[in-house]
Amino acid sequence: MAPERVRPGQVVVVEDPARPGTLLVHRVVRRNADGTFTTKGDANGSEDQAAVPAAGVRGLARLRVPKVGLPALWLREGRTLPVLGAFAALIALGRLARATGTRPRHAALIALDRQARTTGTRR
């Protein structure tokens, strides 16, 4: 990826200057006068301390999931209640999706389903 095409606000994949050998997906906050980039994770409270050299930019991220990093941030901050709430909500949504996917939705189908169960016949 050509570093000159990187703009503030874009989410980039970069070599993590704080942890060599690992990649980081963060949003570009600004391009610095020396050609490096200042980045910040969407769930982080502050900008990254280490600037990313232009050569460290690997590419643009193509998929963004807003606030997906919040549970990790909450855990680091010791805020377990929001994490438990998010986990409970995911469990409830999963059960709801499963329940609505396996049950007939129309009253006539429900009646047929009950009849089939009592008589041992299938629709």
C-alpha atoms as a PDB file:
ATOM      1  CA  MET A   1       0.000   0.000   0.000  1.00  0.00           C
ATOM      2  CA  ALA A   2       1.358   3.409  -0.913  1.00  0.00           C
ATOM      3  CA  PRO A   3       1.705   5.396   2.334  1.00  0.00           C
ATOM      4  CA  GLU A   4       0.892   8.660   0.524  1.00  0.00           C
ATOM      5  CA  ARG A   5      -2.643   7.342  -0.068  1.00  0.00           C
ATOM      6  CA  VAL A   6      -3.311   6.889   3.667  1.00  0.00           C
ATOM      7  CA  ARG A   7      -5.636   9.549   5.108  1.00  0.00           C
ATOM      8  CA  PRO A   8      -6.701  10.372   8.673  1.00  0.00           C
ATOM      9  CA  GLY A   9      -9.823   8.447   9.602  1.00  0.00           C
ATOM     10  CA  GLN A  10      -8.911   5.338   7.607  1.00  0.00           C
ATOM     11  CA  VAL A  11      -8.449   2.016   9.394  1.00  0.00           C
ATOM     12  CA  VAL A  12      -5.097   0.502   8.484  1.00  0.00           C
ATOM     13  CA  VAL A  13      -3.201  -2.713   9.040  1.00  0.00           C
ATOM     14  CA  VAL A  14       0.306  -1.859  10.238  1.00  0.00           C
ATOM     15  CA  GLU A  15       3.331  -3.500  11.753  1.00  0.00           C
ATOM     16  CA  ASP A  16       2.972  -2.750  15.457  1.00  0.00           C
ATOM     17  CA  PRO A  17       5.924  -0.530  16.424  1.00  0.00           C
ATOM     18  CA  ALA A  18       5.411  -1.359  20.103  1.00  0.00           C
ATOM     19  CA  ARG A  19       5.417  -5.152  19.497  1.00  0.00           C
ATOM     20  CA  PRO A  20       7.682  -6.104  16.577  1.00  0.00           C
ATOM     21  CA  GLY A  21       6.506  -9.088  14.572  1.00  0.00           C
ATOM     22  CA  THR A  22       2.810  -8.438  15.172  1.00  0.00           C
ATOM     23  CA  LEU A  23       0.188  -6.636  13.145  1.00  0.00           C
ATOM     24  CA  LEU A  24      -2.162  -3.962  14.419  1.00  0.00           C
ATOM     25  CA  VAL A  25      -5.479  -2.740  13.020  1.00  0.00           C
ATOM     26  CA  HIS A  26      -6.043   0.857  14.137  1.00  0.00           C
ATOM     27  CA  ARG A  27      -7.460   4.095  12.815  1.00  0.00           C
ATOM     28  CA  VAL A  28      -5.077   6.790  11.512  1.00  0.00           C
ATOM     29  CA  VAL A  29      -5.413   9.954  13.588  1.00  0.00           C
ATOM     30  CA  ARG A  30      -2.898  12.073  11.682  1.00  0.00           C
ATOM     31  CA  ARG A  31       0.131  12.061   9.440  1.00  0.00           C
ATOM     32  CA  ASN A  32       3.105  13.558  11.260  1.00  0.00           C
ATOM     33  CA  ALA A  33       5.605  16.017   9.778  1.00  0.00           C
ATOM     34  CA  ASP A  34       8.292  13.296   9.640  1.00  0.00           C
ATOM     35  CA  GLY A  35       6.036  11.040   7.486  1.00  0.00           C
ATOM     36  CA  THR A  36       5.014   8.690  10.301  1.00  0.00           C
ATOM     37  CA  PHE A  37       1.422   8.049  11.322  1.00  0.00           C
ATOM     38  CA  THR A  38      -0.269   8.419  14.689  1.00  0.00           C
ATOM     39  CA  THR A  39      -2.900   5.742  15.224  1.00  0.00           C
ATOM     40  CA  LYS A  40      -5.555   4.928  17.798  1.00  0.00           C
ATOM     41  CA  GLY A  41      -7.727   1.897  18.392  1.00  0.00           C
ATOM     42  CA  ASP A  42     -11.435   2.691  18.348  1.00  0.00           C
ATOM     43  CA  ALA A  43     -11.922   1.154  21.803  1.00  0.00           C
ATOM     44  CA  ASN A  44      -8.828   2.834  23.275  1.00  0.00           C
ATOM     45  CA  GLY A  45      -9.024   5.991  25.337  1.00  0.00           C
ATOM     46  CA  SER A  46      -5.850   7.537  23.959  1.00  0.00           C
ATOM     47  CA  GLU A  47      -3.646   7.576  20.876  1.00  0.00           C
ATOM     48  CA  ASP A  48      -0.913   4.983  20.448  1.00  0.00           C
ATOM     49  CA  GLN A  49       2.379   6.206  21.894  1.00  0.00           C
ATOM     50  CA  ALA A  50       4.601   4.767  19.185  1.00  0.00           C
ATOM     51  CA  ALA A  51       4.274   6.365  15.743  1.00  0.00           C
ATOM     52  CA  VAL A  52       3.989   4.018  12.769  1.00  0.00           C
ATOM     53  CA  PRO A  53       6.635   4.511  10.058  1.00  0.00           C
ATOM     54  CA  ALA A  54       5.273   4.820   6.524  1.00  0.00           C
ATOM     55  CA  ALA A  55       7.038   1.570   5.589  1.00  0.00           C
ATOM     56  CA  GLY A  56       5.075  -0.206   8.329  1.00  0.00           C
ATOM     57  CA  VAL A  57       1.717   0.316   6.633  1.00  0.00           C
ATOM     58  CA  ARG A  58       0.584  -3.015   5.184  1.00  0.00           C
ATOM     59  CA  GLY A  59      -2.862  -2.053   3.906  1.00  0.00           C
ATOM     60  CA  LEU A  60      -6.350  -0.757   4.563  1.00  0.00           C
ATOM     61  CA  ALA A  61      -8.870  -2.662   6.643  1.00  0.00           C
ATOM     62  CA  ARG A  62     -11.976  -3.515   4.630  1.00  0.00           C
ATOM     63  CA  LEU A  63     -14.389  -4.521   7.385  1.00  0.00           C
ATOM     64  CA  ARG A  64     -15.211  -2.446  10.417  1.00  0.00           C
ATOM     65  CA  VAL A  65     -17.292  -3.652  13.326  1.00  0.00           C
ATOM     66  CA  PRO A  66     -17.922  -0.598  15.518  1.00  0.00           C
ATOM     67  CA  LYS A  67     -17.392  -1.078  19.228  1.00  0.00           C
ATOM     68  CA  VAL A  68     -16.362  -4.737  18.878  1.00  0.00           C
ATOM     69  CA  GLY A  69     -13.290  -4.019  21.019  1.00  0.00           C
ATOM     70  CA  LEU A  70     -15.277  -2.626  23.936  1.00  0.00           C
ATOM     71  CA  PRO A  71     -15.562  -5.895  25.920  1.00  0.00           C
ATOM     72  CA  ALA A  72     -11.766  -6.254  25.863  1.00  0.00           C
ATOM     73  CA  LEU A  73     -11.399  -2.662  27.041  1.00  0.00           C
ATOM     74  CA  TRP A  74     -13.967  -3.237  29.792  1.00  0.00           C
ATOM     75  CA  LEU A  75     -12.074  -6.325  30.959  1.00  0.00           C
ATOM     76  CA  ARG A  76      -8.767  -4.429  31.066  1.00  0.00           C
ATOM     77  CA  GLU A  77     -10.464  -1.724  33.129  1.00  0.00           C
ATOM     78  CA  GLY A  78     -11.948  -4.298  35.495  1.00  0.00           C
ATOM     79  CA  ARG A  79     -15.525  -3.516  34.435  1.00  0.00           C
ATOM     80  CA  THR A  80     -16.981  -7.016  34.442  1.00  0.00           C
ATOM     81  CA  LEU A  81     -20.666  -6.059  34.675  1.00  0.00           C
ATOM     82  CA  PRO A  82     -20.870  -4.665  31.095  1.00  0.00           C
ATOM     83  CA  VAL A  83     -18.974  -7.725  29.831  1.00  0.00           C
ATOM     84  CA  LEU A  84     -21.399 -10.074  31.574  1.00  0.00           C
ATOM     85  CA  GLY A  85     -24.319  -8.063  30.181  1.00  0.00           C
ATOM     86  CA  ALA A  86     -22.928  -8.273  26.651  1.00  0.00           C
ATOM     87  CA  PHE A  87     -22.342 -12.013  27.054  1.00  0.00           C
ATOM     88  CA  ALA A  88     -25.898 -12.544  28.358  1.00  0.00           C
ATOM     89  CA  ALA A  89     -27.292 -10.524  25.436  1.00  0.00           C
ATOM     90  CA  LEU A  90     -25.355 -12.671  22.938  1.00  0.00           C
ATOM     91  CA  ILE A  91     -26.643 -15.852  24.568  1.00  0.00           C
ATOM     92  CA  ALA A  92     -30.224 -14.536  24.481  1.00  0.00           C
ATOM     93  CA  LEU A  93     -29.909 -13.495  20.831  1.00  0.00           C
ATOM     94  CA  GLY A  94     -28.477 -16.884  19.922  1.00  0.00           C
ATOM     95  CA  ARG A  95     -31.322 -18.705  21.646  1.00  0.00           C
ATOM     96  CA  LEU A  96     -33.886 -16.434  20.021  1.00  0.00           C
ATOM     97  CA  ALA A  97     -32.374 -17.011  16.581  1.00  0.00           C
ATOM     98  CA  ARG A  98     -32.353 -20.741  17.149  1.00  0.00           C
ATOM     99  CA  ALA A  99     -35.914 -20.784  18.440  1.00  0.00           C
ATOM    100  CA  THR A 100     -37.327 -18.754  15.585  1.00  0.00           C
ATOM    101  CA  GLY A 101     -35.434 -20.806  13.043  1.00  0.00           C
ATOM    102  CA  THR A 102     -36.910 -24.152  14.167  1.00  0.00           C
ATOM    103  CA  ARG A 103     -40.527 -23.296  14.977  1.00  0.00           C
ATOM    104  CA  PRO A 104     -43.342 -22.721  12.494  1.00  0.00           C
ATOM    105  CA  ARG A 105     -44.226 -19.055  12.251  1.00  0.00           C
ATOM    106  CA  HIS A 106     -47.782 -19.244  11.028  1.00  0.00           C
ATOM    107  CA  ALA A 107     -50.751 -20.329  13.186  1.00  0.00           C
ATOM    108  CA  ALA A 108     -51.930 -22.898  10.614  1.00  0.00           C
ATOM    109  CA  LEU A 109     -48.499 -24.498  10.569  1.00  0.00           C
ATOM    110  CA  ILE A 110     -48.480 -24.626  14.354  1.00  0.00           C
ATOM    111  CA  ALA A 111     -51.843 -26.429  14.295  1.00  0.00           C
ATOM    112  CA  LEU A 112     -50.561 -28.903  11.684  1.00  0.00           C
ATOM    113  CA  ASP A 113     -47.424 -29.448  13.717  1.00  0.00           C
ATOM    114  CA  ARG A 114     -49.470 -30.209  16.865  1.00  0.00           C
ATOM    115  CA  GLN A 115     -51.721 -32.560  14.920  1.00  0.00           C
ATOM    116  CA  ALA A 116     -48.726 -34.385  13.492  1.00  0.00           C
ATOM    117  CA  ARG A 117     -47.248 -34.826  16.934  1.00  0.00           C
ATOM    118  CA  THR A 118     -50.463 -36.250  18.430  1.00  0.00           C
ATOM    119  CA  THR A 119     -51.269 -38.552  15.509  1.00  0.00           C
ATOM    120  CA  GLY A 120     -47.719 -39.526  14.697  1.00  0.00           C
ATOM    121  CA  THR A 121     -47.984 -38.340  11.086  1.00  0.00           C
ATOM    122  CA  ARG A 122     -45.745 -35.921   9.284  1.00  0.00           C
ATOM    123  CA  ARG A 123     -46.644 -32.974   7.078  1.00  0.00           C
END
